[in-house]
Amino acid sequence: MRTTDRTLDLCIATPAPSLTTRMMLALANVASIWRAIRNRQEIHYLNELNDSQLRDIGLSRQDVNAALTTSTFFEDPSSHLTNSARRRTRPSAFSSFRG
């Protein structure tokens, strides 16, 4: 028998997710949205800090404003602040090791 005569029947259809799985996915989505809203409120509280206090935690006023304006309503803006603080601390951390 030649290879061109053979066909491979793949059953790729996936079964529909169970009700429990769908409920868990929906709950995870709601929790993610709730977390993003809560973090957005916390970032608004960061706007009340003065520049010296923001500098103590590795942020600037521009970082806080950029986090609020660049993220959509359902996105979590805290990841932007985390990345900004990490970028700011990396050069200073390495400069302290120089003799």
N, C-alpha and C. Protein backbone atom coordinates (compact mmCIF):
# COMPACT_ATOMS: atom_id res chain seq x y z
N MET A 1 0.84 -1.16 0.00
CA MET A 1 0.00 0.00 0.00
C MET A 1 0.90 1.24 0.00
N ARG A 2 0.53 2.18 -0.78
CA ARG A 2 1.32 3.39 -0.89
C ARG A 2 0.88 4.40 0.17
N THR A 3 1.78 5.31 0.51
CA THR A 3 1.46 6.29 1.55
C THR A 3 0.40 7.28 1.09
N THR A 4 0.28 7.48 -0.18
CA THR A 4 -0.75 8.40 -0.67
C THR A 4 -2.13 7.79 -0.58
N ASP A 5 -2.21 6.48 -0.41
CA ASP A 5 -3.50 5.80 -0.29
C ASP A 5 -4.02 5.82 1.14
N ARG A 6 -3.16 6.11 2.07
CA ARG A 6 -3.57 6.10 3.47
C ARG A 6 -4.04 7.49 3.87
N THR A 7 -5.07 7.54 4.64
CA THR A 7 -5.54 8.81 5.20
C THR A 7 -5.52 8.67 6.71
N LEU A 8 -5.27 9.74 7.34
CA LEU A 8 -5.20 9.76 8.79
C LEU A 8 -6.42 10.51 9.30
N ASP A 9 -7.24 9.84 10.03
CA ASP A 9 -8.46 10.43 10.55
C ASP A 9 -8.20 10.91 11.98
N LEU A 10 -8.08 12.20 12.13
CA LEU A 10 -7.85 12.77 13.45
C LEU A 10 -9.16 13.34 13.99
N CYS A 11 -9.45 12.95 15.17
CA CYS A 11 -10.63 13.49 15.82
C CYS A 11 -10.16 14.63 16.73
N ILE A 12 -10.13 15.85 16.18
CA ILE A 12 -9.57 16.98 16.89
C ILE A 12 -10.64 17.74 17.67
N ALA A 13 -11.86 17.41 17.48
CA ALA A 13 -12.94 18.12 18.17
C ALA A 13 -12.77 17.98 19.67
N THR A 14 -12.81 19.10 20.35
CA THR A 14 -12.68 19.07 21.81
C THR A 14 -14.06 19.08 22.43
N PRO A 15 -14.20 18.39 23.53
CA PRO A 15 -15.51 18.38 24.17
C PRO A 15 -15.81 19.75 24.78
N ALA A 16 -17.08 20.04 24.86
CA ALA A 16 -17.50 21.31 25.46
C ALA A 16 -17.13 21.32 26.94
N PRO A 17 -16.67 22.46 27.44
CA PRO A 17 -16.30 22.51 28.86
C PRO A 17 -17.52 22.31 29.75
N SER A 18 -17.28 21.71 30.89
CA SER A 18 -18.37 21.44 31.81
C SER A 18 -18.87 22.74 32.44
N LEU A 19 -19.99 22.66 33.09
CA LEU A 19 -20.56 23.83 33.76
C LEU A 19 -19.62 24.35 34.84
N THR A 20 -18.99 23.43 35.55
CA THR A 20 -18.05 23.83 36.60
C THR A 20 -16.87 24.59 36.01
N THR A 21 -16.35 24.11 34.90
CA THR A 21 -15.23 24.78 34.24
C THR A 21 -15.62 26.16 33.77
N ARG A 22 -16.79 26.27 33.17
CA ARG A 22 -17.25 27.59 32.70
C ARG A 22 -17.47 28.54 33.86
N MET A 23 -18.00 28.05 34.97
CA MET A 23 -18.22 28.90 36.14
C MET A 23 -16.89 29.35 36.73
N MET A 24 -15.91 28.47 36.78
CA MET A 24 -14.60 28.83 37.31
C MET A 24 -13.91 29.88 36.41
N LEU A 25 -14.04 29.75 35.10
CA LEU A 25 -13.48 30.74 34.19
C LEU A 25 -14.16 32.09 34.36
N ALA A 26 -15.47 32.08 34.50
CA ALA A 26 -16.21 33.32 34.69
C ALA A 26 -15.81 33.98 36.01
N LEU A 27 -15.67 33.18 37.05
CA LEU A 27 -15.27 33.71 38.35
C LEU A 27 -13.85 34.28 38.30
N ALA A 28 -12.97 33.61 37.59
CA ALA A 28 -11.60 34.11 37.44
C ALA A 28 -11.58 35.44 36.69
N ASN A 29 -12.42 35.58 35.67
CA ASN A 29 -12.50 36.84 34.93
C ASN A 29 -13.04 37.96 35.80
N VAL A 30 -14.07 37.67 36.59
CA VAL A 30 -14.63 38.68 37.49
C VAL A 30 -13.60 39.09 38.53
N ALA A 31 -12.88 38.11 39.07
CA ALA A 31 -11.84 38.41 40.07
C ALA A 31 -10.74 39.27 39.47
N SER A 32 -10.37 39.00 38.23
CA SER A 32 -9.33 39.79 37.57
C SER A 32 -9.78 41.23 37.36
N ILE A 33 -11.01 41.41 36.94
CA ILE A 33 -11.54 42.76 36.75
C ILE A 33 -11.64 43.48 38.08
N TRP A 34 -12.09 42.79 39.12
CA TRP A 34 -12.20 43.40 40.44
C TRP A 34 -10.82 43.83 40.96
N ARG A 35 -9.81 42.99 40.74
CA ARG A 35 -8.46 43.31 41.17
C ARG A 35 -7.94 44.54 40.43
N ALA A 36 -8.23 44.63 39.14
CA ALA A 36 -7.78 45.79 38.36
C ALA A 36 -8.44 47.07 38.85
N ILE A 37 -9.72 47.01 39.16
CA ILE A 37 -10.44 48.18 39.67
C ILE A 37 -9.89 48.59 41.03
N ARG A 38 -9.66 47.61 41.89
CA ARG A 38 -9.12 47.91 43.22
C ARG A 38 -7.73 48.51 43.13
N ASN A 39 -6.87 47.96 42.26
CA ASN A 39 -5.53 48.50 42.09
C ASN A 39 -5.56 49.89 41.50
N ARG A 40 -6.51 50.16 40.61
CA ARG A 40 -6.65 51.50 40.05
C ARG A 40 -7.00 52.50 41.16
N GLN A 41 -7.86 52.10 42.09
CA GLN A 41 -8.19 52.98 43.21
C GLN A 41 -6.97 53.23 44.09
N GLU A 42 -6.17 52.21 44.32
CA GLU A 42 -4.96 52.37 45.12
C GLU A 42 -3.97 53.31 44.44
N ILE A 43 -3.90 53.24 43.13
CA ILE A 43 -2.98 54.13 42.41
C ILE A 43 -3.46 55.57 42.50
N HIS A 44 -4.76 55.77 42.56
CA HIS A 44 -5.27 57.13 42.78
C HIS A 44 -4.81 57.64 44.14
N TYR A 45 -4.72 56.76 45.12
CA TYR A 45 -4.21 57.17 46.44
C TYR A 45 -2.72 57.55 46.36
N LEU A 46 -1.98 56.91 45.46
CA LEU A 46 -0.57 57.27 45.27
C LEU A 46 -0.43 58.70 44.78
N ASN A 47 -1.42 59.19 44.05
CA ASN A 47 -1.39 60.58 43.58
C ASN A 47 -1.42 61.57 44.73
N GLU A 48 -1.90 61.14 45.89
CA GLU A 48 -1.97 62.02 47.05
C GLU A 48 -0.62 62.14 47.77
N LEU A 49 0.32 61.25 47.47
CA LEU A 49 1.65 61.32 48.09
C LEU A 49 2.45 62.45 47.46
N ASN A 50 3.38 62.99 48.22
CA ASN A 50 4.24 64.01 47.63
C ASN A 50 5.39 63.33 46.88
N ASP A 51 6.16 64.13 46.15
CA ASP A 51 7.21 63.58 45.30
C ASP A 51 8.29 62.85 46.08
N SER A 52 8.58 63.32 47.28
CA SER A 52 9.58 62.67 48.11
C SER A 52 9.12 61.27 48.53
N GLN A 53 7.86 61.15 48.89
CA GLN A 53 7.32 59.84 49.28
C GLN A 53 7.29 58.90 48.09
N LEU A 54 6.93 59.40 46.93
CA LEU A 54 6.93 58.56 45.72
C LEU A 54 8.34 58.10 45.39
N ARG A 55 9.31 58.98 45.55
CA ARG A 55 10.71 58.62 45.28
C ARG A 55 11.18 57.53 46.23
N ASP A 56 10.68 57.55 47.48
CA ASP A 56 11.06 56.52 48.45
C ASP A 56 10.63 55.13 48.02
N ILE A 57 9.53 55.03 47.29
CA ILE A 57 9.07 53.72 46.83
C ILE A 57 9.49 53.44 45.39
N GLY A 58 10.35 54.32 44.84
CA GLY A 58 10.91 54.07 43.52
C GLY A 58 10.06 54.53 42.37
N LEU A 59 9.16 55.48 42.61
CA LEU A 59 8.27 55.97 41.56
C LEU A 59 8.39 57.47 41.41
N SER A 60 7.86 57.98 40.33
CA SER A 60 7.75 59.42 40.13
C SER A 60 6.29 59.74 39.83
N ARG A 61 5.98 61.00 39.89
CA ARG A 61 4.61 61.43 39.59
C ARG A 61 4.23 61.07 38.15
N GLN A 62 5.19 61.16 37.25
CA GLN A 62 4.94 60.80 35.85
C GLN A 62 4.62 59.32 35.70
N ASP A 63 5.26 58.48 36.49
CA ASP A 63 4.96 57.04 36.45
C ASP A 63 3.52 56.77 36.85
N VAL A 64 3.08 57.43 37.90
CA VAL A 64 1.71 57.23 38.40
C VAL A 64 0.71 57.71 37.36
N ASN A 65 0.95 58.89 36.81
CA ASN A 65 0.02 59.41 35.80
C ASN A 65 0.01 58.57 34.54
N ALA A 66 1.18 58.09 34.13
CA ALA A 66 1.27 57.25 32.94
C ALA A 66 0.55 55.91 33.16
N ALA A 67 0.64 55.36 34.35
CA ALA A 67 -0.04 54.10 34.63
C ALA A 67 -1.54 54.25 34.52
N LEU A 68 -2.04 55.38 34.96
CA LEU A 68 -3.49 55.61 34.91
C LEU A 68 -3.97 55.93 33.50
N THR A 69 -3.16 56.62 32.72
CA THR A 69 -3.63 57.04 31.40
C THR A 69 -3.37 56.01 30.30
N THR A 70 -2.33 55.19 30.44
CA THR A 70 -2.02 54.25 29.36
C THR A 70 -2.80 52.95 29.45
N SER A 71 -3.32 52.61 30.60
CA SER A 71 -4.07 51.36 30.73
C SER A 71 -5.56 51.62 30.52
N THR A 72 -6.22 50.64 29.93
CA THR A 72 -7.67 50.75 29.74
C THR A 72 -8.36 50.48 31.07
N PHE A 73 -9.66 50.64 31.08
CA PHE A 73 -10.41 50.51 32.33
C PHE A 73 -10.27 49.12 32.95
N PHE A 74 -10.24 48.09 32.13
CA PHE A 74 -10.21 46.73 32.66
C PHE A 74 -8.79 46.19 32.81
N GLU A 75 -7.78 46.94 32.40
CA GLU A 75 -6.40 46.51 32.59
C GLU A 75 -5.91 46.91 33.97
N ASP A 76 -4.99 46.14 34.48
CA ASP A 76 -4.42 46.42 35.79
C ASP A 76 -3.23 47.36 35.62
N PRO A 77 -3.34 48.61 36.07
CA PRO A 77 -2.24 49.57 35.89
C PRO A 77 -1.06 49.34 36.82
N SER A 78 -1.21 48.46 37.80
CA SER A 78 -0.12 48.25 38.75
C SER A 78 1.10 47.61 38.10
N SER A 79 0.91 46.84 37.04
CA SER A 79 2.06 46.24 36.36
C SER A 79 2.95 47.31 35.74
N HIS A 80 2.35 48.39 35.26
CA HIS A 80 3.13 49.50 34.72
C HIS A 80 4.00 50.13 35.81
N LEU A 81 3.42 50.30 37.00
CA LEU A 81 4.19 50.88 38.10
C LEU A 81 5.30 49.95 38.56
N THR A 82 5.03 48.67 38.59
CA THR A 82 6.05 47.69 38.98
C THR A 82 7.22 47.75 38.02
N ASN A 83 6.93 47.77 36.73
CA ASN A 83 8.00 47.84 35.73
C ASN A 83 8.78 49.14 35.84
N SER A 84 8.10 50.25 36.09
CA SER A 84 8.78 51.54 36.22
C SER A 84 9.71 51.54 37.42
N ALA A 85 9.24 51.02 38.54
CA ALA A 85 10.08 50.98 39.75
C ALA A 85 11.28 50.07 39.54
N ARG A 86 11.10 48.95 38.87
CA ARG A 86 12.21 48.03 38.63
C ARG A 86 13.24 48.64 37.69
N ARG A 87 12.77 49.34 36.64
CA ARG A 87 13.71 49.98 35.73
C ARG A 87 14.53 51.05 36.45
N ARG A 88 13.91 51.74 37.38
CA ARG A 88 14.59 52.82 38.08
C ARG A 88 15.60 52.28 39.09
N THR A 89 15.33 51.12 39.71
CA THR A 89 16.23 50.61 40.74
C THR A 89 17.39 49.80 40.18
N ARG A 90 17.28 49.23 39.01
CA ARG A 90 18.36 48.40 38.46
C ARG A 90 19.67 49.16 38.31
N PRO A 91 19.69 50.31 37.67
CA PRO A 91 21.00 50.99 37.54
C PRO A 91 21.59 51.39 38.88
N SER A 92 20.78 51.83 39.81
CA SER A 92 21.31 52.25 41.10
C SER A 92 21.80 51.05 41.91
N ALA A 93 21.19 49.89 41.75
CA ALA A 93 21.61 48.71 42.49
C ALA A 93 22.99 48.26 42.02
N PHE A 94 23.24 48.34 40.70
CA PHE A 94 24.52 47.91 40.18
C PHE A 94 25.61 48.94 40.44
N SER A 95 25.25 50.20 40.54
CA SER A 95 26.27 51.21 40.77
C SER A 95 26.84 51.13 42.19
N SER A 96 26.09 50.55 43.14
CA SER A 96 26.59 50.45 44.50
C SER A 96 27.68 49.39 44.63
N PHE A 97 27.78 48.46 43.66
CA PHE A 97 28.80 47.42 43.71
C PHE A 97 30.13 47.89 43.17
N ARG A 98 30.15 48.99 42.50
CA ARG A 98 31.41 49.51 41.96
C ARG A 98 32.23 50.10 43.09
N GLY A 99 33.47 49.82 43.10
CA GLY A 99 34.36 50.23 44.16
C GLY A 99 34.63 51.65 44.13
